[in-house]
N, C-alpha and C. Protein backbone atom coordinates (compact mmCIF):
# COMPACT_ATOMS: atom_id res chain seq x y z
N MET A 1 -172.74 -5.92 -17.74
CA MET A 1 -173.70 -4.81 -17.88
C MET A 1 -175.12 -5.35 -17.72
N PRO A 2 -175.94 -4.66 -16.94
CA PRO A 2 -177.31 -5.13 -16.72
C PRO A 2 -178.12 -5.09 -18.02
N THR A 3 -178.98 -6.07 -18.18
CA THR A 3 -179.87 -6.10 -19.33
C THR A 3 -181.16 -5.39 -18.97
N GLU A 4 -181.96 -5.17 -20.01
CA GLU A 4 -183.27 -4.54 -19.76
C GLU A 4 -184.12 -5.42 -18.85
N GLU A 5 -184.01 -6.74 -19.03
CA GLU A 5 -184.79 -7.67 -18.21
C GLU A 5 -184.37 -7.60 -16.74
N THR A 6 -183.06 -7.57 -16.46
CA THR A 6 -182.63 -7.48 -15.06
C THR A 6 -183.02 -6.13 -14.47
N GLY A 7 -183.02 -5.11 -15.30
CA GLY A 7 -183.48 -3.79 -14.86
C GLY A 7 -184.94 -3.80 -14.47
N ARG A 8 -185.75 -4.47 -15.28
CA ARG A 8 -187.18 -4.58 -14.97
C ARG A 8 -187.40 -5.34 -13.67
N ARG A 9 -186.67 -6.45 -13.52
CA ARG A 9 -186.81 -7.24 -12.29
C ARG A 9 -186.42 -6.39 -11.07
N GLY A 10 -185.35 -5.61 -11.21
CA GLY A 10 -184.92 -4.75 -10.11
C GLY A 10 -185.97 -3.71 -9.76
N ALA A 11 -186.59 -3.11 -10.78
CA ALA A 11 -187.63 -2.11 -10.55
C ALA A 11 -188.84 -2.74 -9.86
N VAL A 12 -189.24 -3.91 -10.33
CA VAL A 12 -190.39 -4.60 -9.73
C VAL A 12 -190.08 -4.97 -8.29
N GLU A 13 -188.86 -5.48 -8.04
CA GLU A 13 -188.47 -5.84 -6.66
C GLU A 13 -188.50 -4.61 -5.76
N GLY A 14 -188.03 -3.48 -6.25
CA GLY A 14 -188.05 -2.24 -5.47
C GLY A 14 -189.46 -1.81 -5.11
N PHE A 15 -190.36 -1.84 -6.10
CA PHE A 15 -191.76 -1.48 -5.83
C PHE A 15 -192.39 -2.47 -4.86
N ALA A 16 -192.12 -3.76 -5.06
CA ALA A 16 -192.67 -4.79 -4.17
C ALA A 16 -192.19 -4.57 -2.74
N ASN A 17 -190.90 -4.24 -2.58
CA ASN A 17 -190.36 -4.01 -1.23
C ASN A 17 -190.99 -2.80 -0.56
N GLU A 18 -191.35 -1.78 -1.34
CA GLU A 18 -192.07 -0.64 -0.76
C GLU A 18 -193.41 -1.11 -0.19
N HIS A 19 -194.12 -1.94 -0.94
CA HIS A 19 -195.42 -2.44 -0.48
C HIS A 19 -195.27 -3.38 0.71
N ILE A 20 -194.22 -4.21 0.70
CA ILE A 20 -193.96 -5.10 1.83
C ILE A 20 -193.71 -4.28 3.10
N ALA A 21 -192.86 -3.25 2.98
CA ALA A 21 -192.57 -2.40 4.13
C ALA A 21 -193.83 -1.71 4.63
N VAL A 22 -194.65 -1.18 3.72
CA VAL A 22 -195.90 -0.53 4.12
C VAL A 22 -196.80 -1.52 4.84
N GLY A 23 -196.93 -2.73 4.32
CA GLY A 23 -197.78 -3.73 4.95
C GLY A 23 -197.33 -4.08 6.36
N ILE A 24 -196.03 -4.31 6.53
CA ILE A 24 -195.49 -4.63 7.85
C ILE A 24 -195.71 -3.47 8.82
N LEU A 25 -195.41 -2.26 8.36
CA LEU A 25 -195.55 -1.08 9.22
C LEU A 25 -197.02 -0.75 9.51
N MET A 26 -197.88 -0.98 8.53
CA MET A 26 -199.31 -0.69 8.72
C MET A 26 -199.91 -1.56 9.82
N LYS A 27 -199.48 -2.82 9.89
CA LYS A 27 -200.00 -3.71 10.93
C LYS A 27 -199.63 -3.20 12.32
N ARG A 28 -198.50 -2.50 12.42
CA ARG A 28 -198.04 -2.00 13.72
C ARG A 28 -198.56 -0.59 14.02
N TYR A 29 -198.51 0.31 13.02
CA TYR A 29 -198.81 1.72 13.25
C TYR A 29 -200.14 2.19 12.63
N GLN A 30 -200.74 1.39 11.80
CA GLN A 30 -202.02 1.65 11.14
C GLN A 30 -201.97 2.78 10.13
N ASN A 31 -201.55 3.96 10.50
CA ASN A 31 -201.61 5.13 9.63
C ASN A 31 -200.29 5.26 8.84
N VAL A 32 -200.16 4.43 7.80
CA VAL A 32 -198.95 4.36 6.98
C VAL A 32 -199.39 4.39 5.52
N SER A 33 -198.65 5.11 4.69
CA SER A 33 -199.03 5.20 3.29
C SER A 33 -197.83 5.34 2.37
N LEU A 34 -197.96 4.78 1.17
CA LEU A 34 -197.00 5.06 0.12
C LEU A 34 -197.19 6.50 -0.31
N VAL A 35 -196.13 7.13 -0.73
CA VAL A 35 -196.18 8.52 -1.19
C VAL A 35 -196.19 8.51 -2.71
N ASP A 36 -197.09 9.25 -3.30
CA ASP A 36 -197.17 9.33 -4.75
C ASP A 36 -196.80 10.74 -5.21
N LEU A 37 -195.61 11.15 -4.83
CA LEU A 37 -195.10 12.47 -5.20
C LEU A 37 -193.84 12.26 -6.03
N PRO A 38 -193.86 12.58 -7.31
CA PRO A 38 -192.74 12.25 -8.19
C PRO A 38 -191.41 12.92 -7.84
N LEU A 39 -191.43 14.03 -7.14
CA LEU A 39 -190.18 14.73 -6.81
C LEU A 39 -189.74 14.50 -5.37
N SER A 40 -190.42 13.58 -4.68
CA SER A 40 -190.12 13.30 -3.28
C SER A 40 -188.87 12.44 -3.13
N HIS A 41 -188.14 12.64 -2.05
CA HIS A 41 -186.96 11.84 -1.74
C HIS A 41 -187.31 10.66 -0.82
N TYR A 42 -188.58 10.46 -0.54
CA TYR A 42 -189.01 9.38 0.35
C TYR A 42 -190.20 8.66 -0.28
N ASP A 43 -190.40 7.40 0.15
CA ASP A 43 -191.42 6.53 -0.43
C ASP A 43 -192.65 6.34 0.45
N ILE A 44 -192.46 6.47 1.76
CA ILE A 44 -193.50 6.15 2.73
C ILE A 44 -193.63 7.26 3.76
N ILE A 45 -194.85 7.47 4.21
CA ILE A 45 -195.13 8.35 5.35
C ILE A 45 -195.70 7.46 6.46
N ILE A 46 -195.14 7.61 7.66
CA ILE A 46 -195.63 6.89 8.83
C ILE A 46 -196.11 7.94 9.82
N ALA A 47 -197.38 7.88 10.21
CA ALA A 47 -197.93 8.81 11.18
C ALA A 47 -198.07 8.07 12.50
N ILE A 48 -197.22 8.42 13.46
CA ILE A 48 -197.23 7.75 14.76
C ILE A 48 -197.94 8.63 15.78
N LYS A 49 -198.97 8.07 16.39
CA LYS A 49 -199.77 8.79 17.38
C LYS A 49 -198.94 8.98 18.66
N GLN A 50 -198.86 10.23 19.12
CA GLN A 50 -198.14 10.57 20.34
C GLN A 50 -199.09 10.51 21.54
N ASP A 51 -198.52 10.49 22.73
CA ASP A 51 -199.32 10.43 23.96
C ASP A 51 -200.29 11.60 24.08
N ASP A 52 -199.89 12.78 23.55
CA ASP A 52 -200.74 13.97 23.66
C ASP A 52 -201.79 14.05 22.54
N GLY A 53 -201.87 13.01 21.70
CA GLY A 53 -202.88 12.98 20.64
C GLY A 53 -202.37 13.46 19.29
N ARG A 54 -201.25 14.16 19.27
CA ARG A 54 -200.70 14.63 18.01
C ARG A 54 -200.05 13.47 17.25
N GLU A 55 -199.80 13.68 15.97
CA GLU A 55 -199.12 12.67 15.16
C GLU A 55 -197.73 13.15 14.79
N ASP A 56 -196.77 12.27 14.92
CA ASP A 56 -195.41 12.53 14.46
C ASP A 56 -195.28 11.88 13.10
N ILE A 57 -194.96 12.65 12.09
CA ILE A 57 -194.83 12.15 10.72
C ILE A 57 -193.37 11.78 10.45
N ILE A 58 -193.16 10.54 10.02
CA ILE A 58 -191.82 10.05 9.68
C ILE A 58 -191.78 9.80 8.18
N ARG A 59 -190.78 10.40 7.52
CA ARG A 59 -190.56 10.21 6.08
C ARG A 59 -189.54 9.08 5.90
N ALA A 60 -189.93 8.04 5.17
CA ALA A 60 -189.06 6.87 5.03
C ALA A 60 -188.75 6.57 3.56
N GLN A 61 -187.49 6.31 3.30
CA GLN A 61 -187.04 5.86 1.98
C GLN A 61 -186.79 4.36 2.07
N VAL A 62 -187.34 3.59 1.15
CA VAL A 62 -187.19 2.14 1.17
C VAL A 62 -186.13 1.70 0.19
N LYS A 63 -185.27 0.80 0.64
CA LYS A 63 -184.20 0.25 -0.20
C LYS A 63 -184.20 -1.27 -0.09
N THR A 64 -183.92 -1.93 -1.19
CA THR A 64 -183.72 -3.37 -1.18
C THR A 64 -182.38 -3.64 -0.52
N ALA A 65 -182.37 -4.55 0.45
CA ALA A 65 -181.14 -4.86 1.20
C ALA A 65 -180.77 -6.32 0.98
N ARG A 66 -179.71 -6.54 0.25
CA ARG A 66 -179.20 -7.90 0.11
C ARG A 66 -178.09 -8.07 1.15
N ASP A 67 -176.87 -7.74 0.79
CA ASP A 67 -175.75 -7.78 1.74
C ASP A 67 -175.52 -6.43 2.39
N SER A 68 -176.03 -5.37 1.74
CA SER A 68 -175.85 -4.02 2.26
C SER A 68 -177.06 -3.17 1.91
N ILE A 69 -177.10 -1.98 2.52
CA ILE A 69 -178.15 -1.00 2.23
C ILE A 69 -177.47 0.23 1.65
N SER A 70 -177.93 0.64 0.49
CA SER A 70 -177.40 1.85 -0.14
C SER A 70 -178.14 3.07 0.42
N PHE A 71 -177.39 4.14 0.64
CA PHE A 71 -177.98 5.40 1.09
C PHE A 71 -178.06 6.41 -0.05
N VAL A 72 -177.76 5.97 -1.26
CA VAL A 72 -177.73 6.85 -2.42
C VAL A 72 -179.08 6.82 -3.11
N GLY A 73 -179.53 7.99 -3.51
CA GLY A 73 -180.78 8.11 -4.25
C GLY A 73 -180.55 8.87 -5.54
N GLY A 74 -181.58 8.96 -6.34
CA GLY A 74 -181.50 9.71 -7.59
C GLY A 74 -180.96 8.90 -8.74
N VAL A 75 -180.60 7.65 -8.48
CA VAL A 75 -180.17 6.75 -9.56
C VAL A 75 -181.15 5.59 -9.58
N ARG A 76 -181.47 5.12 -10.74
CA ARG A 76 -182.47 4.07 -10.87
C ARG A 76 -181.84 2.69 -10.76
N GLY A 77 -182.53 1.80 -10.09
CA GLY A 77 -182.12 0.41 -10.04
C GLY A 77 -182.92 -0.40 -11.03
N GLY A 78 -183.80 0.23 -11.74
CA GLY A 78 -184.72 -0.49 -12.61
C GLY A 78 -184.41 -0.33 -14.09
N ALA A 79 -185.46 -0.41 -14.91
CA ALA A 79 -185.32 -0.45 -16.36
C ALA A 79 -184.71 0.82 -16.94
N ASP A 80 -184.90 1.96 -16.29
CA ASP A 80 -184.38 3.22 -16.84
C ASP A 80 -183.14 3.68 -16.09
N ARG A 81 -182.25 2.76 -15.79
CA ARG A 81 -181.10 3.07 -14.95
C ARG A 81 -179.98 3.85 -15.64
N THR A 82 -179.98 3.97 -16.95
CA THR A 82 -178.89 4.64 -17.63
C THR A 82 -179.11 6.15 -17.64
N TYR A 83 -178.14 6.88 -17.09
CA TYR A 83 -178.19 8.34 -17.08
C TYR A 83 -176.96 8.89 -17.79
N LYS A 84 -177.08 10.10 -18.24
CA LYS A 84 -175.96 10.77 -18.90
C LYS A 84 -174.99 11.39 -17.89
N SER A 85 -175.47 11.68 -16.68
CA SER A 85 -174.63 12.30 -15.66
C SER A 85 -175.11 11.90 -14.28
N ASP A 86 -174.37 12.34 -13.26
CA ASP A 86 -174.75 12.07 -11.88
C ASP A 86 -175.47 13.26 -11.24
N VAL A 87 -176.08 14.12 -12.04
CA VAL A 87 -176.70 15.34 -11.55
C VAL A 87 -177.76 15.03 -10.49
N LYS A 88 -178.53 13.96 -10.67
CA LYS A 88 -179.61 13.63 -9.75
C LYS A 88 -179.13 12.86 -8.52
N LYS A 89 -177.92 12.35 -8.53
CA LYS A 89 -177.43 11.48 -7.48
C LYS A 89 -177.22 12.26 -6.17
N TYR A 90 -177.66 11.66 -5.06
CA TYR A 90 -177.50 12.28 -3.75
C TYR A 90 -177.44 11.19 -2.69
N ARG A 91 -176.92 11.55 -1.50
CA ARG A 91 -176.94 10.66 -0.35
C ARG A 91 -178.09 11.10 0.55
N GLN A 92 -178.84 10.15 1.08
CA GLN A 92 -179.93 10.47 1.99
C GLN A 92 -179.39 11.22 3.20
N ASP A 93 -180.13 12.23 3.64
CA ASP A 93 -179.80 12.97 4.85
C ASP A 93 -181.09 13.50 5.48
N THR A 94 -180.96 14.21 6.58
CA THR A 94 -182.14 14.64 7.33
C THR A 94 -183.01 15.66 6.58
N THR A 95 -182.49 16.28 5.54
CA THR A 95 -183.32 17.22 4.77
C THR A 95 -184.21 16.49 3.78
N LYS A 96 -183.89 15.23 3.48
CA LYS A 96 -184.62 14.48 2.46
C LYS A 96 -185.57 13.43 3.02
N ALA A 97 -185.18 12.81 4.13
CA ALA A 97 -185.99 11.76 4.76
C ALA A 97 -185.55 11.65 6.22
N ASP A 98 -186.32 10.91 7.00
CA ASP A 98 -185.98 10.72 8.41
C ASP A 98 -185.32 9.37 8.65
N VAL A 99 -185.62 8.41 7.79
CA VAL A 99 -185.09 7.05 7.97
C VAL A 99 -185.02 6.35 6.62
N VAL A 100 -184.01 5.52 6.46
CA VAL A 100 -183.93 4.61 5.32
C VAL A 100 -184.29 3.23 5.86
N ILE A 101 -185.22 2.58 5.18
CA ILE A 101 -185.65 1.24 5.60
C ILE A 101 -185.12 0.24 4.58
N GLY A 102 -184.25 -0.64 5.04
CA GLY A 102 -183.75 -1.71 4.19
C GLY A 102 -184.66 -2.92 4.33
N VAL A 103 -185.16 -3.42 3.21
CA VAL A 103 -186.00 -4.61 3.21
C VAL A 103 -185.13 -5.79 2.80
N HIS A 104 -184.96 -6.72 3.72
CA HIS A 104 -184.09 -7.88 3.48
C HIS A 104 -184.92 -9.15 3.47
N GLU A 105 -184.81 -9.91 2.39
CA GLU A 105 -185.52 -11.18 2.28
C GLU A 105 -184.55 -12.33 2.52
N GLU A 106 -184.96 -13.23 3.37
CA GLU A 106 -184.17 -14.42 3.63
C GLU A 106 -185.11 -15.61 3.77
N GLN A 107 -185.00 -16.54 2.84
CA GLN A 107 -185.83 -17.75 2.83
C GLN A 107 -187.32 -17.42 2.89
N GLY A 108 -187.73 -16.43 2.11
CA GLY A 108 -189.14 -16.08 2.02
C GLY A 108 -189.69 -15.24 3.16
N LYS A 109 -188.85 -14.90 4.12
CA LYS A 109 -189.26 -14.03 5.23
C LYS A 109 -188.59 -12.67 5.07
N TYR A 110 -189.29 -11.63 5.49
CA TYR A 110 -188.79 -10.27 5.31
C TYR A 110 -188.46 -9.63 6.65
N ALA A 111 -187.34 -8.93 6.68
CA ALA A 111 -186.93 -8.17 7.86
C ALA A 111 -186.69 -6.73 7.44
N LEU A 112 -187.02 -5.81 8.32
CA LEU A 112 -186.80 -4.38 8.07
C LEU A 112 -185.64 -3.89 8.92
N TYR A 113 -184.72 -3.17 8.30
CA TYR A 113 -183.61 -2.51 8.99
C TYR A 113 -183.88 -1.02 8.95
N PHE A 114 -183.92 -0.38 10.12
CA PHE A 114 -184.22 1.05 10.21
C PHE A 114 -182.93 1.84 10.43
N VAL A 115 -182.52 2.62 9.43
CA VAL A 115 -181.29 3.41 9.51
C VAL A 115 -181.68 4.89 9.48
N PRO A 116 -181.69 5.54 10.64
CA PRO A 116 -182.03 6.98 10.67
C PRO A 116 -181.05 7.79 9.82
N THR A 117 -181.57 8.82 9.17
CA THR A 117 -180.70 9.63 8.32
C THR A 117 -179.68 10.43 9.13
N CYS A 118 -179.98 10.72 10.40
CA CYS A 118 -178.95 11.39 11.22
C CYS A 118 -177.76 10.45 11.45
N LEU A 119 -178.00 9.15 11.49
CA LEU A 119 -176.90 8.19 11.59
C LEU A 119 -176.13 8.14 10.27
N ILE A 120 -176.83 8.20 9.16
CA ILE A 120 -176.18 8.23 7.85
C ILE A 120 -175.26 9.44 7.75
N GLU A 121 -175.72 10.58 8.24
CA GLU A 121 -174.87 11.78 8.23
C GLU A 121 -173.62 11.56 9.08
N ALA A 122 -173.76 10.93 10.23
CA ALA A 122 -172.61 10.67 11.11
C ALA A 122 -171.64 9.67 10.49
N LEU A 123 -172.18 8.67 9.78
CA LEU A 123 -171.33 7.67 9.14
C LEU A 123 -170.58 8.23 7.94
N ASN A 124 -171.22 9.15 7.22
CA ASN A 124 -170.61 9.80 6.06
C ASN A 124 -170.14 8.77 5.03
N GLN A 125 -171.04 7.85 4.67
CA GLN A 125 -170.73 6.85 3.66
C GLN A 125 -171.98 6.54 2.86
N ASP A 126 -171.81 5.93 1.70
CA ASP A 126 -172.91 5.71 0.77
C ASP A 126 -173.69 4.42 0.98
N SER A 127 -173.17 3.51 1.80
CA SER A 127 -173.86 2.25 2.07
C SER A 127 -173.28 1.63 3.33
N ILE A 128 -173.95 0.56 3.80
CA ILE A 128 -173.45 -0.15 4.97
C ILE A 128 -173.88 -1.61 4.88
N ALA A 129 -172.99 -2.50 5.30
CA ALA A 129 -173.30 -3.93 5.31
C ALA A 129 -174.36 -4.21 6.38
N ILE A 130 -175.33 -5.04 6.04
CA ILE A 130 -176.37 -5.34 7.03
C ILE A 130 -175.79 -6.09 8.22
N SER A 131 -174.70 -6.80 8.02
CA SER A 131 -174.07 -7.50 9.15
C SER A 131 -173.55 -6.51 10.19
N ARG A 132 -173.26 -5.30 9.76
CA ARG A 132 -172.74 -4.27 10.66
C ARG A 132 -173.84 -3.55 11.45
N ILE A 133 -175.08 -3.67 10.98
CA ILE A 133 -176.20 -2.95 11.62
C ILE A 133 -177.27 -3.90 12.13
N GLU A 134 -176.87 -5.07 12.56
CA GLU A 134 -177.83 -6.07 13.05
C GLU A 134 -178.70 -5.49 14.17
N MET A 135 -178.16 -4.59 14.98
CA MET A 135 -178.94 -3.99 16.06
C MET A 135 -180.11 -3.13 15.56
N LEU A 136 -180.10 -2.76 14.28
CA LEU A 136 -181.18 -1.95 13.71
C LEU A 136 -182.27 -2.80 13.07
N ARG A 137 -182.06 -4.10 13.02
CA ARG A 137 -183.04 -5.03 12.44
C ARG A 137 -184.27 -5.07 13.35
N GLU A 138 -185.43 -4.72 12.77
CA GLU A 138 -186.70 -4.74 13.49
C GLU A 138 -186.66 -3.90 14.77
N ASN A 139 -185.81 -2.88 14.80
CA ASN A 139 -185.67 -2.05 15.99
C ASN A 139 -186.65 -0.87 15.89
N TYR A 140 -187.88 -1.12 16.34
CA TYR A 140 -188.95 -0.13 16.22
C TYR A 140 -188.72 1.06 17.16
N GLU A 141 -187.98 0.86 18.21
CA GLU A 141 -187.64 1.97 19.10
C GLU A 141 -186.78 2.99 18.35
N ILE A 142 -185.84 2.49 17.56
CA ILE A 142 -185.01 3.39 16.73
C ILE A 142 -185.88 4.09 15.69
N LEU A 143 -186.79 3.36 15.05
CA LEU A 143 -187.68 3.98 14.07
C LEU A 143 -188.49 5.10 14.72
N GLU A 144 -189.08 4.84 15.86
CA GLU A 144 -189.94 5.82 16.52
C GLU A 144 -189.16 7.04 17.02
N ASN A 145 -187.86 6.89 17.22
CA ASN A 145 -187.01 7.99 17.69
C ASN A 145 -186.02 8.45 16.63
N CYS A 146 -186.28 8.12 15.38
CA CYS A 146 -185.30 8.38 14.31
C CYS A 146 -184.98 9.86 14.11
N LYS A 147 -185.83 10.76 14.55
CA LYS A 147 -185.56 12.20 14.40
C LYS A 147 -184.84 12.80 15.60
N ASN A 148 -184.64 11.98 16.63
CA ASN A 148 -183.94 12.42 17.84
C ASN A 148 -182.46 12.07 17.69
N ARG A 149 -181.69 12.99 17.14
CA ARG A 149 -180.28 12.76 16.82
C ARG A 149 -179.47 12.25 18.02
N GLU A 150 -179.63 12.90 19.15
CA GLU A 150 -178.88 12.52 20.36
C GLU A 150 -179.21 11.08 20.75
N TYR A 151 -180.48 10.73 20.74
CA TYR A 151 -180.91 9.38 21.08
C TYR A 151 -180.29 8.36 20.12
N VAL A 152 -180.43 8.61 18.82
CA VAL A 152 -179.93 7.68 17.79
C VAL A 152 -178.42 7.50 17.90
N LEU A 153 -177.69 8.60 17.97
CA LEU A 153 -176.23 8.49 17.99
C LEU A 153 -175.72 7.83 19.26
N ASP A 154 -176.43 8.02 20.37
CA ASP A 154 -176.06 7.35 21.61
C ASP A 154 -176.29 5.84 21.49
N ARG A 155 -177.45 5.45 20.96
CA ARG A 155 -177.78 4.02 20.83
C ARG A 155 -176.93 3.32 19.77
N CYS A 156 -176.44 4.08 18.81
CA CYS A 156 -175.71 3.49 17.67
C CYS A 156 -174.20 3.71 17.73
N LYS A 157 -173.68 4.00 18.91
CA LYS A 157 -172.24 4.24 19.07
C LYS A 157 -171.40 3.11 18.48
N SER A 158 -171.82 1.88 18.71
CA SER A 158 -171.03 0.73 18.24
C SER A 158 -170.95 0.69 16.71
N ILE A 159 -171.97 1.20 16.04
CA ILE A 159 -171.96 1.24 14.57
C ILE A 159 -171.03 2.35 14.10
N ILE A 160 -171.12 3.50 14.74
CA ILE A 160 -170.31 4.66 14.35
C ILE A 160 -168.83 4.41 14.63
N GLU A 161 -168.53 3.83 15.78
CA GLU A 161 -167.14 3.67 16.20
C GLU A 161 -166.47 2.44 15.63
N LYS A 162 -167.25 1.49 15.11
CA LYS A 162 -166.66 0.27 14.57
C LYS A 162 -165.85 0.61 13.32
N PRO A 163 -164.57 0.24 13.31
CA PRO A 163 -163.77 0.56 12.13
C PRO A 163 -164.23 -0.24 10.91
N ARG A 164 -164.15 0.41 9.77
CA ARG A 164 -164.46 -0.27 8.52
C ARG A 164 -163.31 -1.18 8.16
N ARG A 165 -163.62 -2.18 7.34
CA ARG A 165 -162.56 -3.08 6.88
C ARG A 165 -161.55 -2.32 6.06
N ARG A 166 -160.29 -2.59 6.33
CA ARG A 166 -159.23 -1.96 5.54
C ARG A 166 -158.90 -2.84 4.36
N LYS A 167 -158.43 -2.21 3.32
CA LYS A 167 -157.97 -2.97 2.17
C LYS A 167 -156.69 -3.68 2.56
N ARG A 168 -156.55 -4.88 2.07
CA ARG A 168 -155.34 -5.64 2.36
C ARG A 168 -154.14 -5.01 1.68
N THR A 169 -153.04 -5.02 2.38
CA THR A 169 -151.81 -4.56 1.73
C THR A 169 -151.21 -5.74 1.00
N SER A 170 -150.49 -5.47 -0.02
CA SER A 170 -149.90 -6.56 -0.79
C SER A 170 -148.81 -7.25 0.01
N GLN A 171 -148.54 -8.51 -0.33
CA GLN A 171 -147.51 -9.27 0.37
C GLN A 171 -146.15 -8.60 0.20
N LYS A 172 -145.92 -7.99 -0.95
CA LYS A 172 -144.65 -7.32 -1.20
C LYS A 172 -144.45 -6.18 -0.20
N THR A 173 -145.51 -5.40 0.06
CA THR A 173 -145.43 -4.30 1.02
C THR A 173 -145.19 -4.84 2.41
N GLN A 174 -145.89 -5.93 2.76
CA GLN A 174 -145.72 -6.51 4.09
C GLN A 174 -144.29 -7.00 4.29
N ARG A 175 -143.70 -7.63 3.26
CA ARG A 175 -142.33 -8.14 3.38
C ARG A 175 -141.32 -7.02 3.55
N SER A 176 -141.55 -5.90 2.88
CA SER A 176 -140.58 -4.81 2.98
C SER A 176 -140.60 -4.14 4.35
N ASP A 177 -141.73 -4.31 5.08
CA ASP A 177 -141.84 -3.73 6.41
C ASP A 177 -141.09 -4.57 7.46
N ASN A 178 -140.78 -5.81 7.15
CA ASN A 178 -140.15 -6.72 8.13
C ASN A 178 -138.68 -6.52 8.24
């Protein structure tokens, strides 16, 4: 069971990763900001300037990515993680955000994984291993087109079609099949 101290560390790491993501994105897109809306399902707004002068606003949810990226929200990873029910729990989708950004640290360097919420809807799962989505690592083209469902699903066919690992069958079951 997590202690209060590990909860605090998790909360601090989550907030730090939001700032890291904003810093990396700000250097590329300039008009990027943390969102300070307590009822929002997203952490960052990215305003990308279009060729016609308009701005496309992308709503991004930031997640700490170790071996996988969780698509579940409404549950705390920090000090106040204990809830009485799952009433607040939800999976990210296109009504809540446009992209989930996994922040992965490896040997002091940070990488961003961009997982569009339309892809999350197609996958219909609560998380994904980062090894399975290597093509989304630092893929700014996917980020910039994250609201274009057809584009995303076409580019991410290999992720959608790749079978998930099956649970091993017991040796007893395997022997009875022979």
